[in-house]
Amino acid sequence: MNKNRLRWACRRGMLELDLILGPFVEGPFELLEESDQLRFEALLECEDQNLFLWLMKRGQPDSPDLQRIVRIIHESRPQIG
């Protein structure tokens, strides 16, 4: 998926998701191995409600591949406090 399509796919129906996915695709995504970039693309196919739960650390995906990319996203976020 090209960068413009990724940016568009990161625009979700929830502001919280936009604030996590948008900066991720503009920064850390570029440094990922191709296999992890493909995992991120697969993650973007998931429902917003699931993404919200996973990215807010209120649950985790069943798929090990999706668990990996969710962990990468969590680790890439700046720590507050």
Protein backbone atom coordinates (compact mmCIF):
# COMPACT_ATOMS: atom_id res chain seq x y z
CA MET A 1 0.00 0.00 0.00
CA ASN A 2 1.45 3.38 -0.87
CA LYS A 3 1.93 6.12 1.70
CA ASN A 4 -1.10 8.17 0.65
CA ARG A 5 -3.40 5.15 0.93
CA LEU A 6 -1.92 4.35 4.34
CA ARG A 7 -2.58 7.89 5.52
CA TRP A 8 -6.16 7.62 4.32
CA ALA A 9 -6.63 4.19 5.94
CA CYS A 10 -5.37 5.62 9.25
CA ARG A 11 -8.22 8.14 9.28
CA ARG A 12 -10.81 6.39 11.37
CA GLY A 13 -14.14 7.20 12.95
CA MET A 14 -12.56 7.83 16.36
CA LEU A 15 -10.27 10.72 17.21
CA GLU A 16 -8.28 8.52 19.61
CA LEU A 17 -7.39 6.15 16.77
CA ASP A 18 -6.49 9.02 14.45
CA LEU A 19 -4.12 10.39 17.09
CA ILE A 20 -2.33 7.06 17.39
CA LEU A 21 -2.35 5.69 13.85
CA GLY A 22 -1.59 8.93 11.98
CA PRO A 23 1.66 9.75 13.80
CA PHE A 24 2.69 6.09 13.65
CA VAL A 25 2.42 5.94 9.86
CA GLU A 26 4.31 9.25 9.54
CA GLY A 27 7.21 8.12 11.72
CA PRO A 28 7.94 4.65 13.09
CA PHE A 29 6.19 2.86 10.22
CA GLU A 30 8.98 3.91 7.84
CA LEU A 31 11.56 2.09 9.98
CA LEU A 32 9.68 -1.22 10.17
CA GLU A 33 10.74 -4.33 8.33
CA GLU A 34 8.50 -5.17 5.40
CA SER A 35 6.85 -8.03 7.32
CA ASP A 36 5.83 -5.62 10.11
CA GLN A 37 4.60 -3.07 7.58
CA LEU A 38 2.36 -5.78 6.16
CA ARG A 39 1.13 -6.56 9.68
CA PHE A 40 0.25 -2.88 10.10
CA GLU A 41 -1.69 -2.94 6.85
CA ALA A 42 -3.58 -6.01 8.10
CA LEU A 43 -4.29 -4.20 11.37
CA LEU A 44 -5.91 -1.37 9.44
CA GLU A 45 -8.45 -3.87 8.08
CA CYS A 46 -9.81 -4.46 11.60
CA GLU A 47 -12.92 -2.85 13.04
CA ASP A 48 -12.49 0.46 14.88
CA GLN A 49 -13.97 -0.95 18.08
CA ASN A 50 -11.32 -3.69 18.19
CA LEU A 51 -8.53 -1.28 17.32
CA PHE A 52 -9.65 1.02 20.11
CA LEU A 53 -9.59 -1.78 22.69
CA TRP A 54 -6.19 -3.05 21.57
CA LEU A 55 -4.52 0.34 21.28
CA MET A 56 -5.93 1.48 24.64
CA LYS A 57 -4.53 -1.72 26.20
CA ARG A 58 -8.00 -2.99 27.12
CA GLY A 59 -7.62 -6.20 25.16
CA GLN A 60 -5.43 -7.87 22.61
CA PRO A 61 -5.94 -9.48 19.24
CA ASP A 62 -6.09 -13.26 18.95
CA SER A 63 -3.61 -13.27 16.07
CA PRO A 64 0.09 -13.32 17.08
CA ASP A 65 0.87 -11.15 14.03
CA LEU A 66 -1.60 -8.48 15.13
CA GLN A 67 -0.37 -8.76 18.72
CA ARG A 68 3.13 -8.02 17.44
CA ILE A 69 2.18 -4.87 15.53
CA VAL A 70 0.00 -3.60 18.39
CA ARG A 71 3.01 -4.05 20.72
CA ILE A 72 5.24 -2.18 18.26
CA ILE A 73 2.74 0.69 18.15
CA HIS A 74 2.57 0.80 21.96
CA GLU A 75 6.37 0.84 22.24
CA SER A 76 6.68 3.61 19.66
CA ARG A 77 4.47 6.02 21.59
CA PRO A 78 6.10 8.59 23.84
CA GLN A 79 5.74 7.82 27.53
CA ILE A 80 3.80 10.45 29.48
CA GLY A 81 4.41 11.03 33.15
